[in-house]
Amino acid sequence: MGALGYTIHSLYGVLENYFLRVSKFFENSLPGDRWHKGLVEKMSLEIPDVRPPVLTRREDKQEVLELLKFRHRFRNLYGEDLDPQRTAEIERIAQHFFSRFPDIHATFREKIMAIAESLR
């Protein structure tokens, strides 16, 4: 369970870095408190004339929030064991979301490229 938890934790870290790059490039601001959740919220928002949302489906946002909660729990276990059932559930969520992520990224990129082309 520990290895699986660490893998999910690491995958979420990569996703969060992706979101941070998008946020810093287009907006350059994050709330000081609870910025991790605020970052996910921002990725589901369209900023008119600036950028489309990264997470266009409510389901995607909910899955990312579940992964964030797990990451927080994992980082703060302090010697406690992971709940095997909950960890298996999070694994299913991670597999589902990350199987969709290439399409999520491609759609976001296409929309950004369309905005860039319209500005030429």
PDB file of N, CA and C in Angstrom:
ATOM      1  N   MET A   1       0.827  -1.194   0.000  1.00  0.00           N
ATOM      2  CA  MET A   1       0.000   0.000   0.000  1.00  0.00           C
ATOM      3  C   MET A   1       0.871   1.259   0.000  1.00  0.00           C
ATOM      4  N   GLY A   2       1.977   1.193   0.703  1.00  0.00           N
ATOM      5  CA  GLY A   2       2.854   2.360   0.778  1.00  0.00           C
ATOM      6  C   GLY A   2       3.409   2.749  -0.582  1.00  0.00           C
ATOM      7  N   ALA A   3       3.823   1.758  -1.361  1.00  0.00           N
ATOM      8  CA  ALA A   3       4.374   2.045  -2.698  1.00  0.00           C
ATOM      9  C   ALA A   3       3.289   2.623  -3.610  1.00  0.00           C
ATOM     10  N   LEU A   4       2.090   2.072  -3.522  1.00  0.00           N
ATOM     11  CA  LEU A   4       0.986   2.593  -4.327  1.00  0.00           C
ATOM     12  C   LEU A   4       0.657   4.024  -3.903  1.00  0.00           C
ATOM     13  N   GLY A   5       0.597   4.252  -2.612  1.00  0.00           N
ATOM     14  CA  GLY A   5       0.325   5.604  -2.109  1.00  0.00           C
ATOM     15  C   GLY A   5       1.364   6.597  -2.584  1.00  0.00           C
ATOM     16  N   TYR A   6       2.623   6.200  -2.518  1.00  0.00           N
ATOM     17  CA  TYR A   6       3.703   7.083  -2.972  1.00  0.00           C
ATOM     18  C   TYR A   6       3.598   7.367  -4.465  1.00  0.00           C
ATOM     19  N   THR A   7       3.219   6.365  -5.248  1.00  0.00           N
ATOM     20  CA  THR A   7       3.070   6.555  -6.701  1.00  0.00           C
ATOM     21  C   THR A   7       1.954   7.552  -6.999  1.00  0.00           C
ATOM     22  N   ILE A   8       0.828   7.392  -6.339  1.00  0.00           N
ATOM     23  CA  ILE A   8      -0.287   8.328  -6.538  1.00  0.00           C
ATOM     24  C   ILE A   8       0.124   9.727  -6.091  1.00  0.00           C
ATOM     25  N   HIS A   9       0.798   9.814  -4.956  1.00  0.00           N
ATOM     26  CA  HIS A   9       1.310  11.086  -4.451  1.00  0.00           C
ATOM     27  C   HIS A   9       2.203  11.750  -5.496  1.00  0.00           C
ATOM     28  N   SER A  10       3.102  10.987  -6.092  1.00  0.00           N
ATOM     29  CA  SER A  10       4.033  11.531  -7.089  1.00  0.00           C
ATOM     30  C   SER A  10       3.310  11.959  -8.357  1.00  0.00           C
ATOM     31  N   LEU A  11       2.357  11.157  -8.805  1.00  0.00           N
ATOM     32  CA  LEU A  11       1.576  11.529 -10.002  1.00  0.00           C
ATOM     33  C   LEU A  11       0.838  12.841  -9.769  1.00  0.00           C
ATOM     34  N   TYR A  12       0.258  12.984  -8.584  1.00  0.00           N
ATOM     35  CA  TYR A  12      -0.441  14.236  -8.302  1.00  0.00           C
ATOM     36  C   TYR A  12       0.537  15.404  -8.299  1.00  0.00           C
ATOM     37  N   GLY A  13       1.739  15.189  -7.786  1.00  0.00           N
ATOM     38  CA  GLY A  13       2.751  16.248  -7.775  1.00  0.00           C
ATOM     39  C   GLY A  13       3.090  16.728  -9.181  1.00  0.00           C
ATOM     40  N   VAL A  14       3.189  15.810 -10.113  1.00  0.00           N
ATOM     41  CA  VAL A  14       3.453  16.174 -11.513  1.00  0.00           C
ATOM     42  C   VAL A  14       2.276  16.988 -12.065  1.00  0.00           C
ATOM     43  N   LEU A  15       1.065  16.541 -11.789  1.00  0.00           N
ATOM     44  CA  LEU A  15      -0.130  17.259 -12.250  1.00  0.00           C
ATOM     45  C   LEU A  15      -0.188  18.657 -11.647  1.00  0.00           C
ATOM     46  N   GLU A  16       0.114  18.774 -10.378  1.00  0.00           N
ATOM     47  CA  GLU A  16       0.085  20.079  -9.728  1.00  0.00           C
ATOM     48  C   GLU A  16       1.129  21.019 -10.345  1.00  0.00           C
ATOM     49  N   ASN A  17       2.293  20.502 -10.674  1.00  0.00           N
ATOM     50  CA  ASN A  17       3.306  21.325 -11.341  1.00  0.00           C
ATOM     51  C   ASN A  17       2.814  21.809 -12.706  1.00  0.00           C
ATOM     52  N   TYR A  18       2.120  20.955 -13.432  1.00  0.00           N
ATOM     53  CA  TYR A  18       1.520  21.342 -14.708  1.00  0.00           C
ATOM     54  C   TYR A  18       0.540  22.503 -14.491  1.00  0.00           C
ATOM     55  N   PHE A  19      -0.330  22.347 -13.504  1.00  0.00           N
ATOM     56  CA  PHE A  19      -1.304  23.398 -13.206  1.00  0.00           C
ATOM     57  C   PHE A  19      -0.609  24.695 -12.783  1.00  0.00           C
ATOM     58  N   LEU A  20       0.449  24.579 -11.986  1.00  0.00           N
ATOM     59  CA  LEU A  20       1.188  25.772 -11.559  1.00  0.00           C
ATOM     60  C   LEU A  20       1.779  26.517 -12.749  1.00  0.00           C
ATOM     61  N   ARG A  21       2.312  25.786 -13.703  1.00  0.00           N
ATOM     62  CA  ARG A  21       2.876  26.434 -14.896  1.00  0.00           C
ATOM     63  C   ARG A  21       1.801  27.184 -15.681  1.00  0.00           C
ATOM     64  N   VAL A  22       0.647  26.560 -15.830  1.00  0.00           N
ATOM     65  CA  VAL A  22      -0.462  27.220 -16.531  1.00  0.00           C
ATOM     66  C   VAL A  22      -0.873  28.468 -15.767  1.00  0.00           C
ATOM     67  N   SER A  23      -1.058  28.329 -14.469  1.00  0.00           N
ATOM     68  CA  SER A  23      -1.508  29.451 -13.657  1.00  0.00           C
ATOM     69  C   SER A  23      -0.510  30.608 -13.677  1.00  0.00           C
ATOM     70  N   LYS A  24       0.754  30.309 -13.498  1.00  0.00           N
ATOM     71  CA  LYS A  24       1.760  31.365 -13.477  1.00  0.00           C
ATOM     72  C   LYS A  24       1.906  32.042 -14.832  1.00  0.00           C
ATOM     73  N   PHE A  25       1.798  31.273 -15.907  1.00  0.00           N
ATOM     74  CA  PHE A  25       1.948  31.861 -17.231  1.00  0.00           C
ATOM     75  C   PHE A  25       0.785  32.800 -17.560  1.00  0.00           C
ATOM     76  N   PHE A  26      -0.437  32.387 -17.214  1.00  0.00           N
ATOM     77  CA  PHE A  26      -1.605  33.163 -17.621  1.00  0.00           C
ATOM     78  C   PHE A  26      -2.125  34.136 -16.570  1.00  0.00           C
ATOM     79  N   GLU A  27      -1.938  33.860 -15.297  1.00  0.00           N
ATOM     80  CA  GLU A  27      -2.515  34.738 -14.278  1.00  0.00           C
ATOM     81  C   GLU A  27      -1.502  35.261 -13.275  1.00  0.00           C
ATOM     82  N   ASN A  28      -0.539  34.435 -12.918  1.00  0.00           N
ATOM     83  CA  ASN A  28       0.525  34.792 -11.978  1.00  0.00           C
ATOM     84  C   ASN A  28       0.024  35.149 -10.582  1.00  0.00           C
ATOM     85  N   SER A  29      -1.036  34.490 -10.130  1.00  0.00           N
ATOM     86  CA  SER A  29      -1.460  34.705  -8.748  1.00  0.00           C
ATOM     87  C   SER A  29      -2.179  33.468  -8.227  1.00  0.00           C
ATOM     88  N   LEU A  30      -1.937  33.183  -6.968  1.00  0.00           N
ATOM     89  CA  LEU A  30      -2.612  32.096  -6.268  1.00  0.00           C
ATOM     90  C   LEU A  30      -2.969  32.593  -4.876  1.00  0.00           C
ATOM     91  N   PRO A  31      -4.081  32.110  -4.335  1.00  0.00           N
ATOM     92  CA  PRO A  31      -4.422  32.530  -2.979  1.00  0.00           C
ATOM     93  C   PRO A  31      -3.357  32.043  -1.994  1.00  0.00           C
ATOM     94  N   GLY A  32      -3.083  32.819  -0.969  1.00  0.00           N
ATOM     95  CA  GLY A  32      -2.063  32.460   0.009  1.00  0.00           C
ATOM     96  C   GLY A  32      -2.426  31.252   0.844  1.00  0.00           C
ATOM     97  N   ASP A  33      -3.683  31.155   1.242  1.00  0.00           N
ATOM     98  CA  ASP A  33      -4.111  30.012   2.043  1.00  0.00           C
ATOM     99  C   ASP A  33      -4.906  29.059   1.148  1.00  0.00           C
ATOM    100  N   ARG A  34      -4.765  27.801   1.404  1.00  0.00           N
ATOM    101  CA  ARG A  34      -5.469  26.769   0.644  1.00  0.00           C
ATOM    102  C   ARG A  34      -5.214  26.890  -0.863  1.00  0.00           C
ATOM    103  N   TRP A  35      -3.979  27.240  -1.215  1.00  0.00           N
ATOM    104  CA  TRP A  35      -3.689  27.469  -2.622  1.00  0.00           C
ATOM    105  C   TRP A  35      -3.749  26.197  -3.450  1.00  0.00           C
ATOM    106  N   HIS A  36      -3.547  25.040  -2.829  1.00  0.00           N
ATOM    107  CA  HIS A  36      -3.595  23.790  -3.589  1.00  0.00           C
ATOM    108  C   HIS A  36      -4.998  23.579  -4.176  1.00  0.00           C
ATOM    109  N   LYS A  37      -6.005  23.736  -3.330  1.00  0.00           N
ATOM    110  CA  LYS A  37      -7.386  23.596  -3.803  1.00  0.00           C
ATOM    111  C   LYS A  37      -7.744  24.753  -4.737  1.00  0.00           C
ATOM    112  N   GLY A  38      -7.285  25.948  -4.407  1.00  0.00           N
ATOM    113  CA  GLY A  38      -7.529  27.104  -5.268  1.00  0.00           C
ATOM    114  C   GLY A  38      -6.955  26.911  -6.659  1.00  0.00           C
ATOM    115  N   LEU A  39      -5.813  26.254  -6.728  1.00  0.00           N
ATOM    116  CA  LEU A  39      -5.196  25.980  -8.024  1.00  0.00           C
ATOM    117  C   LEU A  39      -6.080  25.064  -8.862  1.00  0.00           C
ATOM    118  N   VAL A  40      -6.617  24.018  -8.253  1.00  0.00           N
ATOM    119  CA  VAL A  40      -7.519  23.110  -8.977  1.00  0.00           C
ATOM    120  C   VAL A  40      -8.760  23.870  -9.427  1.00  0.00           C
ATOM    121  N   GLU A  41      -9.297  24.702  -8.553  1.00  0.00           N
ATOM    122  CA  GLU A  41     -10.473  25.504  -8.909  1.00  0.00           C
ATOM    123  C   GLU A  41     -10.165  26.385 -10.130  1.00  0.00           C
ATOM    124  N   LYS A  42      -8.994  27.021 -10.119  1.00  0.00           N
ATOM    125  CA  LYS A  42      -8.605  27.889 -11.242  1.00  0.00           C
ATOM    126  C   LYS A  42      -8.528  27.123 -12.554  1.00  0.00           C
ATOM    127  N   MET A  43      -8.094  25.875 -12.479  1.00  0.00           N
ATOM    128  CA  MET A  43      -7.926  25.097 -13.709  1.00  0.00           C
ATOM    129  C   MET A  43      -9.258  24.721 -14.340  1.00  0.00           C
ATOM    130  N   SER A  44     -10.339  24.882 -13.590  1.00  0.00           N
ATOM    131  CA  SER A  44     -11.658  24.595 -14.145  1.00  0.00           C
ATOM    132  C   SER A  44     -12.372  25.863 -14.618  1.00  0.00           C
ATOM    133  N   LEU A  45     -11.699  27.008 -14.492  1.00  0.00           N
ATOM    134  CA  LEU A  45     -12.302  28.278 -14.897  1.00  0.00           C
ATOM    135  C   LEU A  45     -11.783  28.742 -16.248  1.00  0.00           C
ATOM    136  N   GLU A  46     -12.677  29.300 -17.007  1.00  0.00           N
ATOM    137  CA  GLU A  46     -12.270  29.989 -18.236  1.00  0.00           C
ATOM    138  C   GLU A  46     -11.979  31.432 -17.852  1.00  0.00           C
ATOM    139  N   ILE A  47     -10.895  31.949 -18.366  1.00  0.00           N
ATOM    140  CA  ILE A  47     -10.580  33.361 -18.156  1.00  0.00           C
ATOM    141  C   ILE A  47     -10.752  34.022 -19.521  1.00  0.00           C
ATOM    142  N   PRO A  48     -11.886  34.692 -19.721  1.00  0.00           N
ATOM    143  CA  PRO A  48     -12.189  35.248 -21.040  1.00  0.00           C
ATOM    144  C   PRO A  48     -11.049  36.095 -21.602  1.00  0.00           C
ATOM    145  N   ASP A  49     -10.783  35.894 -22.852  1.00  0.00           N
ATOM    146  CA  ASP A  49      -9.734  36.607 -23.586  1.00  0.00           C
ATOM    147  C   ASP A  49      -8.325  36.294 -23.085  1.00  0.00           C
ATOM    148  N   VAL A  50      -8.194  35.312 -22.197  1.00  0.00           N
ATOM    149  CA  VAL A  50      -6.867  34.948 -21.694  1.00  0.00           C
ATOM    150  C   VAL A  50      -6.581  33.470 -21.952  1.00  0.00           C
ATOM    151  N   ARG A  51      -7.431  32.580 -21.375  1.00  0.00           N
ATOM    152  CA  ARG A  51      -7.225  31.151 -21.575  1.00  0.00           C
ATOM    153  C   ARG A  51      -8.513  30.371 -21.325  1.00  0.00           C
ATOM    154  N   PRO A  52      -8.627  29.205 -21.967  1.00  0.00           N
ATOM    155  CA  PRO A  52      -9.757  28.320 -21.691  1.00  0.00           C
ATOM    156  C   PRO A  52      -9.491  27.538 -20.404  1.00  0.00           C
ATOM    157  N   PRO A  53     -10.506  26.850 -19.896  1.00  0.00           N
ATOM    158  CA  PRO A  53     -10.250  25.997 -18.732  1.00  0.00           C
ATOM    159  C   PRO A  53      -9.416  24.782 -19.133  1.00  0.00           C
ATOM    160  N   VAL A  54      -8.601  24.305 -18.226  1.00  0.00           N
ATOM    161  CA  VAL A  54      -7.867  23.049 -18.462  1.00  0.00           C
ATOM    162  C   VAL A  54      -8.813  21.888 -18.198  1.00  0.00           C
ATOM    163  N   LEU A  55      -9.529  21.962 -17.087  1.00  0.00           N
ATOM    164  CA  LEU A  55     -10.472  20.916 -16.697  1.00  0.00           C
ATOM    165  C   LEU A  55     -11.871  21.356 -17.130  1.00  0.00           C
ATOM    166  N   THR A  56     -12.338  20.827 -18.236  1.00  0.00           N
ATOM    167  CA  THR A  56     -13.622  21.263 -18.783  1.00  0.00           C
ATOM    168  C   THR A  56     -14.799  20.458 -18.242  1.00  0.00           C
ATOM    169  N   ARG A  57     -14.528  19.275 -17.738  1.00  0.00           N
ATOM    170  CA  ARG A  57     -15.601  18.421 -17.227  1.00  0.00           C
ATOM    171  C   ARG A  57     -15.612  18.447 -15.700  1.00  0.00           C
ATOM    172  N   ARG A  58     -16.785  18.545 -15.142  1.00  0.00           N
ATOM    173  CA  ARG A  58     -16.944  18.530 -13.674  1.00  0.00           C
ATOM    174  C   ARG A  58     -16.326  17.260 -13.080  1.00  0.00           C
ATOM    175  N   GLU A  59     -16.509  16.135 -13.772  1.00  0.00           N
ATOM    176  CA  GLU A  59     -15.967  14.850 -13.311  1.00  0.00           C
ATOM    177  C   GLU A  59     -14.436  14.921 -13.176  1.00  0.00           C
ATOM    178  N   ASP A  60     -13.782  15.553 -14.138  1.00  0.00           N
ATOM    179  CA  ASP A  60     -12.323  15.669 -14.073  1.00  0.00           C
ATOM    180  C   ASP A  60     -11.896  16.479 -12.853  1.00  0.00           C
ATOM    181  N   LYS A  61     -12.580  17.584 -12.630  1.00  0.00           N
ATOM    182  CA  LYS A  61     -12.257  18.422 -11.466  1.00  0.00           C
ATOM    183  C   LYS A  61     -12.460  17.646 -10.167  1.00  0.00           C
ATOM    184  N   GLN A  62     -13.555  16.903 -10.068  1.00  0.00           N
ATOM    185  CA  GLN A  62     -13.838  16.133  -8.852  1.00  0.00           C
ATOM    186  C   GLN A  62     -12.772  15.067  -8.631  1.00  0.00           C
ATOM    187  N   GLU A  63     -12.333  14.419  -9.708  1.00  0.00           N
ATOM    188  CA  GLU A  63     -11.294  13.401  -9.566  1.00  0.00           C
ATOM    189  C   GLU A  63      -9.984  14.025  -9.098  1.00  0.00           C
ATOM    190  N   VAL A  64      -9.637  15.167  -9.651  1.00  0.00           N
ATOM    191  CA  VAL A  64      -8.406  15.842  -9.235  1.00  0.00           C
ATOM    192  C   VAL A  64      -8.498  16.253  -7.767  1.00  0.00           C
ATOM    193  N   LEU A  65      -9.650  16.723  -7.337  1.00  0.00           N
ATOM    194  CA  LEU A  65      -9.818  17.085  -5.925  1.00  0.00           C
ATOM    195  C   LEU A  65      -9.689  15.865  -5.013  1.00  0.00           C
ATOM    196  N   GLU A  66     -10.170  14.716  -5.457  1.00  0.00           N
ATOM    197  CA  GLU A  66     -10.006  13.478  -4.681  1.00  0.00           C
ATOM    198  C   GLU A  66      -8.530  13.100  -4.586  1.00  0.00           C
ATOM    199  N   LEU A  67      -7.802  13.263  -5.688  1.00  0.00           N
ATOM    200  CA  LEU A  67      -6.369  12.971  -5.679  1.00  0.00           C
ATOM    201  C   LEU A  67      -5.627  13.937  -4.755  1.00  0.00           C
ATOM    202  N   LEU A  68      -6.034  15.190  -4.761  1.00  0.00           N
ATOM    203  CA  LEU A  68      -5.435  16.180  -3.868  1.00  0.00           C
ATOM    204  C   LEU A  68      -5.665  15.794  -2.407  1.00  0.00           C
ATOM    205  N   LYS A  69      -6.896  15.405  -2.073  1.00  0.00           N
ATOM    206  CA  LYS A  69      -7.194  14.996  -0.694  1.00  0.00           C
ATOM    207  C   LYS A  69      -6.348  13.800  -0.274  1.00  0.00           C
ATOM    208  N   PHE A  70      -6.209  12.842  -1.199  1.00  0.00           N
ATOM    209  CA  PHE A  70      -5.385  11.676  -0.893  1.00  0.00           C
ATOM    210  C   PHE A  70      -3.934  12.083  -0.675  1.00  0.00           C
ATOM    211  N   ARG A  71      -3.427  12.942  -1.539  1.00  0.00           N
ATOM    212  CA  ARG A  71      -2.043  13.392  -1.413  1.00  0.00           C
ATOM    213  C   ARG A  71      -1.831  14.040  -0.044  1.00  0.00           C
ATOM    214  N   HIS A  72      -2.773  14.878   0.363  1.00  0.00           N
ATOM    215  CA  HIS A  72      -2.677  15.532   1.673  1.00  0.00           C
ATOM    216  C   HIS A  72      -2.674  14.486   2.795  1.00  0.00           C
ATOM    217  N   ARG A  73      -3.580  13.548   2.696  1.00  0.00           N
ATOM    218  CA  ARG A  73      -3.667  12.478   3.718  1.00  0.00           C
ATOM    219  C   ARG A  73      -2.374  11.676   3.758  1.00  0.00           C
ATOM    220  N   PHE A  74      -1.864  11.317   2.590  1.00  0.00           N
ATOM    221  CA  PHE A  74      -0.644  10.524   2.500  1.00  0.00           C
ATOM    222  C   PHE A  74       0.535  11.253   3.136  1.00  0.00           C
ATOM    223  N   ARG A  75       0.626  12.549   2.882  1.00  0.00           N
ATOM    224  CA  ARG A  75       1.745  13.338   3.411  1.00  0.00           C
ATOM    225  C   ARG A  75       1.660  13.535   4.920  1.00  0.00           C
ATOM    226  N   ASN A  76       0.484  13.333   5.466  1.00  0.00           N
ATOM    227  CA  ASN A  76       0.286  13.601   6.892  1.00  0.00           C
ATOM    228  C   ASN A  76      -0.113  12.357   7.686  1.00  0.00           C
ATOM    229  N   LEU A  77       0.327  11.184   7.264  1.00  0.00           N
ATOM    230  CA  LEU A  77      -0.033   9.943   7.957  1.00  0.00           C
ATOM    231  C   LEU A  77       0.649   9.795   9.313  1.00  0.00           C
ATOM    232  N   TYR A  78       1.889  10.244   9.415  1.00  0.00           N
ATOM    233  CA  TYR A  78       2.637  10.153  10.673  1.00  0.00           C
ATOM    234  C   TYR A  78       2.634   8.735  11.247  1.00  0.00           C
ATOM    235  N   GLY A  79       2.973   7.764  10.403  1.00  0.00           N
ATOM    236  CA  GLY A  79       3.115   6.390  10.862  1.00  0.00           C
ATOM    237  C   GLY A  79       1.851   5.562  10.834  1.00  0.00           C
ATOM    238  N   GLU A  80       0.728   6.152  10.493  1.00  0.00           N
ATOM    239  CA  GLU A  80      -0.511   5.385  10.382  1.00  0.00           C
ATOM    240  C   GLU A  80      -0.515   4.614   9.070  1.00  0.00           C
ATOM    241  N   ASP A  81      -1.332   3.566   9.006  1.00  0.00           N
ATOM    242  CA  ASP A  81      -1.457   2.779   7.785  1.00  0.00           C
ATOM    243  C   ASP A  81      -2.496   3.398   6.855  1.00  0.00           C
ATOM    244  N   LEU A  82      -2.297   3.166   5.568  1.00  0.00           N
ATOM    245  CA  LEU A  82      -3.300   3.569   4.591  1.00  0.00           C
ATOM    246  C   LEU A  82      -4.481   2.610   4.654  1.00  0.00           C
ATOM    247  N   ASP A  83      -5.669   3.119   4.435  1.00  0.00           N
ATOM    248  CA  ASP A  83      -6.863   2.280   4.347  1.00  0.00           C
ATOM    249  C   ASP A  83      -6.825   1.581   2.981  1.00  0.00           C
ATOM    250  N   PRO A  84      -6.712   0.258   2.943  1.00  0.00           N
ATOM    251  CA  PRO A  84      -6.598  -0.445   1.662  1.00  0.00           C
ATOM    252  C   PRO A  84      -7.771  -0.206   0.715  1.00  0.00           C
ATOM    253  N   GLN A  85      -8.988  -0.162   1.242  1.00  0.00           N
ATOM    254  CA  GLN A  85     -10.153   0.064   0.380  1.00  0.00           C
ATOM    255  C   GLN A  85     -10.125   1.467  -0.230  1.00  0.00           C
ATOM    256  N   ARG A  86      -9.835   2.437   0.583  1.00  0.00           N
ATOM    257  CA  ARG A  86      -9.784   3.828   0.096  1.00  0.00           C
ATOM    258  C   ARG A  86      -8.633   4.000  -0.889  1.00  0.00           C
ATOM    259  N   THR A  87      -7.505   3.380  -0.611  1.00  0.00           N
ATOM    260  CA  THR A  87      -6.365   3.482  -1.510  1.00  0.00           C
ATOM    261  C   THR A  87      -6.691   2.835  -2.858  1.00  0.00           C
ATOM    262  N   ALA A  88      -7.384   1.705  -2.844  1.00  0.00           N
ATOM    263  CA  ALA A  88      -7.786   1.055  -4.103  1.00  0.00           C
ATOM    264  C   ALA A  88      -8.763   1.946  -4.871  1.00  0.00           C
ATOM    265  N   GLU A  89      -9.657   2.599  -4.153  1.00  0.00           N
ATOM    266  CA  GLU A  89     -10.606   3.520  -4.798  1.00  0.00           C
ATOM    267  C   GLU A  89      -9.859   4.691  -5.440  1.00  0.00           C
ATOM    268  N   ILE A  90      -8.889   5.242  -4.734  1.00  0.00           N
ATOM    269  CA  ILE A  90      -8.098   6.350  -5.272  1.00  0.00           C
ATOM    270  C   ILE A  90      -7.276   5.883  -6.472  1.00  0.00           C
ATOM    271  N   GLU A  91      -6.786   4.651  -6.412  1.00  0.00           N
ATOM    272  CA  GLU A  91      -6.048   4.106  -7.558  1.00  0.00           C
ATOM    273  C   GLU A  91      -6.941   4.075  -8.799  1.00  0.00           C
ATOM    274  N   ARG A  92      -8.187   3.658  -8.647  1.00  0.00           N
ATOM    275  CA  ARG A  92      -9.129   3.639  -9.779  1.00  0.00           C
ATOM    276  C   ARG A  92      -9.370   5.058 -10.312  1.00  0.00           C
ATOM    277  N   ILE A  93      -9.528   6.006  -9.405  1.00  0.00           N
ATOM    278  CA  ILE A  93      -9.719   7.403  -9.808  1.00  0.00           C
ATOM    279  C   ILE A  93      -8.495   7.894 -10.566  1.00  0.00           C
ATOM    280  N   ALA A  94      -7.303   7.605 -10.041  1.00  0.00           N
ATOM    281  CA  ALA A  94      -6.068   8.035 -10.698  1.00  0.00           C
ATOM    282  C   ALA A  94      -5.935   7.414 -12.078  1.00  0.00           C
ATOM    283  N   GLN A  95      -6.210   6.128 -12.188  1.00  0.00           N
ATOM    284  CA  GLN A  95      -6.119   5.466 -13.491  1.00  0.00           C
ATOM    285  C   GLN A  95      -7.090   6.094 -14.489  1.00  0.00           C
ATOM    286  N   HIS A  96      -8.304   6.349 -14.042  1.00  0.00           N
ATOM    287  CA  HIS A  96      -9.302   6.944 -14.933  1.00  0.00           C
ATOM    288  C   HIS A  96      -8.872   8.340 -15.370  1.00  0.00           C
ATOM    289  N   PHE A  97      -8.478   9.176 -14.411  1.00  0.00           N
ATOM    290  CA  PHE A  97      -8.097  10.549 -14.762  1.00  0.00           C
ATOM    291  C   PHE A  97      -6.860  10.573 -15.647  1.00  0.00           C
ATOM    292  N   PHE A  98      -5.812   9.862 -15.246  1.00  0.00           N
ATOM    293  CA  PHE A  98      -4.570   9.941 -16.006  1.00  0.00           C
ATOM    294  C   PHE A  98      -4.670   9.245 -17.359  1.00  0.00           C
ATOM    295  N   SER A  99      -5.627   8.353 -17.541  1.00  0.00           N
ATOM    296  CA  SER A  99      -5.843   7.796 -18.879  1.00  0.00           C
ATOM    297  C   SER A  99      -6.462   8.854 -19.797  1.00  0.00           C
ATOM    298  N   ARG A 100      -7.176   9.794 -19.222  1.00  0.00           N
ATOM    299  CA  ARG A 100      -7.793  10.884 -19.977  1.00  0.00           C
ATOM    300  C   ARG A 100      -6.879  12.091 -20.135  1.00  0.00           C
ATOM    301  N   PHE A 101      -5.845  12.188 -19.314  1.00  0.00           N
ATOM    302  CA  PHE A 101      -5.035  13.399 -19.296  1.00  0.00           C
ATOM    303  C   PHE A 101      -4.422  13.768 -20.651  1.00  0.00           C
ATOM    304  N   PRO A 102      -3.912  12.837 -21.448  1.00  0.00           N
ATOM    305  CA  PRO A 102      -3.392  13.254 -22.765  1.00  0.00           C
ATOM    306  C   PRO A 102      -4.442  13.993 -23.603  1.00  0.00           C
ATOM    307  N   ASP A 103      -5.695  13.548 -23.545  1.00  0.00           N
ATOM    308  CA  ASP A 103      -6.767  14.242 -24.272  1.00  0.00           C
ATOM    309  C   ASP A 103      -7.082  15.594 -23.645  1.00  0.00           C
ATOM    310  N   ILE A 104      -7.064  15.670 -22.322  1.00  0.00           N
ATOM    311  CA  ILE A 104      -7.306  16.937 -21.629  1.00  0.00           C
ATOM    312  C   ILE A 104      -6.250  17.952 -22.050  1.00  0.00           C
ATOM    313  N   HIS A 105      -4.997  17.530 -22.037  1.00  0.00           N
ATOM    314  CA  HIS A 105      -3.895  18.414 -22.430  1.00  0.00           C
ATOM    315  C   HIS A 105      -4.011  18.804 -23.906  1.00  0.00           C
ATOM    316  N   ALA A 106      -4.295  17.837 -24.773  1.00  0.00           N
ATOM    317  CA  ALA A 106      -4.391  18.128 -26.207  1.00  0.00           C
ATOM    318  C   ALA A 106      -5.504  19.131 -26.497  1.00  0.00           C
ATOM    319  N   THR A 107      -6.645  18.974 -25.837  1.00  0.00           N
ATOM    320  CA  THR A 107      -7.762  19.907 -26.030  1.00  0.00           C
ATOM    321  C   THR A 107      -7.376  21.304 -25.557  1.00  0.00           C
ATOM    322  N   PHE A 108      -6.745  21.393 -24.383  1.00  0.00           N
ATOM    323  CA  PHE A 108      -6.309  22.687 -23.868  1.00  0.00           C
ATOM    324  C   PHE A 108      -5.311  23.332 -24.834  1.00  0.00           C
ATOM    325  N   ARG A 109      -4.361  22.555 -25.301  1.00  0.00           N
ATOM    326  CA  ARG A 109      -3.342  23.067 -26.220  1.00  0.00           C
ATOM    327  C   ARG A 109      -3.977  23.566 -27.525  1.00  0.00           C
ATOM    328  N   GLU A 110      -4.913  22.796 -28.071  1.00  0.00           N
ATOM    329  CA  GLU A 110      -5.591  23.212 -29.300  1.00  0.00           C
ATOM    330  C   GLU A 110      -6.310  24.547 -29.117  1.00  0.00           C
ATOM    331  N   LYS A 111      -6.978  24.715 -27.995  1.00  0.00           N
ATOM    332  CA  LYS A 111      -7.695  25.963 -27.736  1.00  0.00           C
ATOM    333  C   LYS A 111      -6.722  27.130 -27.581  1.00  0.00           C
ATOM    334  N   ILE A 112      -5.602  26.891 -26.913  1.00  0.00           N
ATOM    335  CA  ILE A 112      -4.588  27.944 -26.748  1.00  0.00           C
ATOM    336  C   ILE A 112      -4.010  28.321 -28.114  1.00  0.00           C
ATOM    337  N   MET A 113      -3.746  27.325 -28.939  1.00  0.00           N
ATOM    338  CA  MET A 113      -3.200  27.601 -30.271  1.00  0.00           C
ATOM    339  C   MET A 113      -4.210  28.391 -31.118  1.00  0.00           C
ATOM    340  N   ALA A 114      -5.484  28.077 -30.984  1.00  0.00           N
ATOM    341  CA  ALA A 114      -6.520  28.810 -31.712  1.00  0.00           C
ATOM    342  C   ALA A 114      -6.565  30.268 -31.257  1.00  0.00           C
ATOM    343  N   ILE A 115      -6.428  30.496 -29.961  1.00  0.00           N
ATOM    344  CA  ILE A 115      -6.400  31.869 -29.439  1.00  0.00           C
ATOM    345  C   ILE A 115      -5.179  32.592 -29.999  1.00  0.00           C
ATOM    346  N   ALA A 116      -4.033  31.929 -29.985  1.00  0.00           N
ATOM    347  CA  ALA A 116      -2.795  32.543 -30.516  1.00  0.00           C
ATOM    348  C   ALA A 116      -2.947  32.888 -31.986  1.00  0.00           C
ATOM    349  N   GLU A 117      -3.544  31.990 -32.747  1.00  0.00           N
ATOM    350  CA  GLU A 117      -3.746  32.251 -34.193  1.00  0.00           C
ATOM    351  C   GLU A 117      -4.686  33.443 -34.416  1.00  0.00           C
ATOM    352  N   SER A 118      -5.697  33.551 -33.581  1.00  0.00           N
ATOM    353  CA  SER A 118      -6.653  34.664 -33.754  1.00  0.00           C
ATOM    354  C   SER A 118      -6.014  36.019 -33.452  1.00  0.00           C
ATOM    355  N   LEU A 119      -4.925  36.008 -32.713  1.00  0.00           N
ATOM    356  CA  LEU A 119      -4.247  37.260 -32.355  1.00  0.00           C
ATOM    357  C   LEU A 119      -3.242  37.719 -33.412  1.00  0.00           C
ATOM    358  N   ARG A 120      -2.973  36.874 -34.367  1.00  0.00           N
ATOM    359  CA  ARG A 120      -2.001  37.238 -35.414  1.00  0.00           C
ATOM    360  C   ARG A 120      -2.576  38.177 -36.418  1.00  0.00           C
TER     361      ARG A 120
END
